[in-house]
Amino acid sequence: MSKKIIVEFGGWVECDSSRVLFQYIGDKHGDDVRRWPVITGNEWLKLSQDEQDDYTLENFVHAQETALDGSLEYLDVIVADENGNDVTASRTYS
């Protein structure tokens, strides 16, 4: 029987806009992902809402590690079987 590890979490972080990165995901640059720009949060904040919608957070873990502030409300580690049924679960509160 194959098992899966699923991590579920909730919380928030205040990103350091000079260190957080955003990856372009729009269609302006075609399929050549090497041309898709990565920009800082400072650059992203200067974009219009429509332009911001063409980007996504590049790396959540990096954003969390370099955050100015934040709170992890909960972290669940779930072991599930190949059908997605929970086998065991543990919850950690911060």
Protein backbone atom coordinates (compact mmCIF):
# COMPACT_ATOMS: atom_id res chain seq x y z
CA MET A 1 0.00 0.00 0.00
CA SER A 2 1.36 3.40 -1.05
CA LYS A 3 1.03 6.30 1.37
CA LYS A 4 1.09 10.07 0.88
CA ILE A 5 2.20 12.80 3.26
CA ILE A 6 -0.06 15.86 3.11
CA VAL A 7 0.77 19.09 4.95
CA GLU A 8 -2.02 21.57 5.62
CA PHE A 9 -1.36 24.89 7.30
CA GLY A 10 -2.84 28.28 8.06
CA GLY A 11 -1.36 31.59 9.03
CA TRP A 12 0.10 34.76 7.55
CA VAL A 13 3.41 36.53 6.91
CA GLU A 14 4.33 40.17 6.32
CA CYS A 15 6.77 39.95 3.43
CA ASP A 16 9.95 41.99 3.16
CA SER A 17 9.22 43.60 -0.21
CA SER A 18 12.92 43.96 -1.00
CA ARG A 19 13.50 40.21 -0.56
CA VAL A 20 10.28 38.47 -1.63
CA LEU A 21 10.17 37.41 -5.29
CA PHE A 22 7.36 37.12 -7.82
CA GLN A 23 7.45 34.87 -10.92
CA TYR A 24 5.78 35.93 -14.14
CA ILE A 25 2.99 33.51 -15.20
CA GLY A 26 1.18 35.55 -17.89
CA ASP A 27 1.15 34.78 -21.59
CA LYS A 28 3.18 37.76 -22.86
CA HIS A 29 6.43 35.77 -23.15
CA GLY A 30 5.01 32.59 -24.71
CA ASP A 31 6.12 29.12 -23.69
CA ASP A 32 9.82 29.94 -23.24
CA VAL A 33 9.97 29.91 -19.42
CA ARG A 34 13.57 31.17 -19.53
CA ARG A 35 12.15 34.52 -20.63
CA TRP A 36 9.61 34.70 -17.79
CA PRO A 37 10.91 37.39 -15.44
CA VAL A 38 11.29 37.14 -11.67
CA ILE A 39 10.90 40.48 -9.89
CA THR A 40 11.17 41.73 -6.32
CA GLY A 41 8.20 42.72 -4.20
CA ASN A 42 9.21 46.38 -4.57
CA GLU A 43 8.94 46.05 -8.36
CA TRP A 44 5.68 44.09 -8.08
CA LEU A 45 4.10 46.80 -5.87
CA LYS A 46 4.73 49.40 -8.61
CA LEU A 47 2.67 47.41 -11.15
CA SER A 48 -1.02 47.98 -11.85
CA GLN A 49 -3.49 45.42 -10.49
CA ASP A 50 -3.81 43.90 -13.98
CA GLU A 51 -0.03 43.56 -14.25
CA GLN A 52 0.24 42.09 -10.74
CA ASP A 53 -2.26 39.41 -11.79
CA ASP A 54 0.37 38.13 -14.28
CA TYR A 55 2.70 37.20 -11.39
CA THR A 56 2.61 34.70 -8.55
CA LEU A 57 4.67 34.32 -5.40
CA GLU A 58 7.89 32.65 -6.54
CA ASN A 59 8.73 30.73 -3.35
CA PHE A 60 6.50 30.62 -0.27
CA VAL A 61 9.18 29.10 1.96
CA HIS A 62 11.61 31.93 1.10
CA ALA A 63 8.86 34.50 1.77
CA GLN A 64 8.23 32.92 5.16
CA GLU A 65 11.94 32.68 6.06
CA THR A 66 12.59 36.35 5.19
CA ALA A 67 9.30 37.69 6.61
CA LEU A 68 9.25 40.77 8.79
CA ASP A 69 6.44 39.31 10.91
CA GLY A 70 3.98 36.46 10.82
CA SER A 71 2.04 33.81 12.62
CA LEU A 72 1.56 30.13 11.92
CA GLU A 73 -1.88 29.31 13.28
CA TYR A 74 -1.73 25.57 12.71
CA LEU A 75 0.19 22.89 10.85
CA ASP A 76 -1.34 19.49 10.12
CA VAL A 77 0.72 16.53 8.94
CA ILE A 78 -1.56 13.88 7.48
CA VAL A 79 -0.68 10.42 6.24
CA ALA A 80 -3.17 9.25 3.62
CA ASP A 81 -3.54 6.07 1.63
CA GLU A 82 -3.40 5.98 -2.18
CA ASN A 83 -7.11 6.88 -2.31
CA GLY A 84 -6.62 10.01 -0.21
CA ASN A 85 -8.22 8.57 2.93
CA ASP A 86 -6.60 9.80 6.16
CA VAL A 87 -4.64 7.09 7.95
CA THR A 88 -3.14 9.25 10.71
CA ALA A 89 -3.00 12.97 11.45
CA SER A 90 -1.21 15.25 13.88
CA ARG A 91 -1.83 18.93 14.54
CA THR A 92 0.67 21.48 15.77
CA TYR A 93 -0.37 24.91 17.01
CA SER A 94 2.07 27.77 17.26
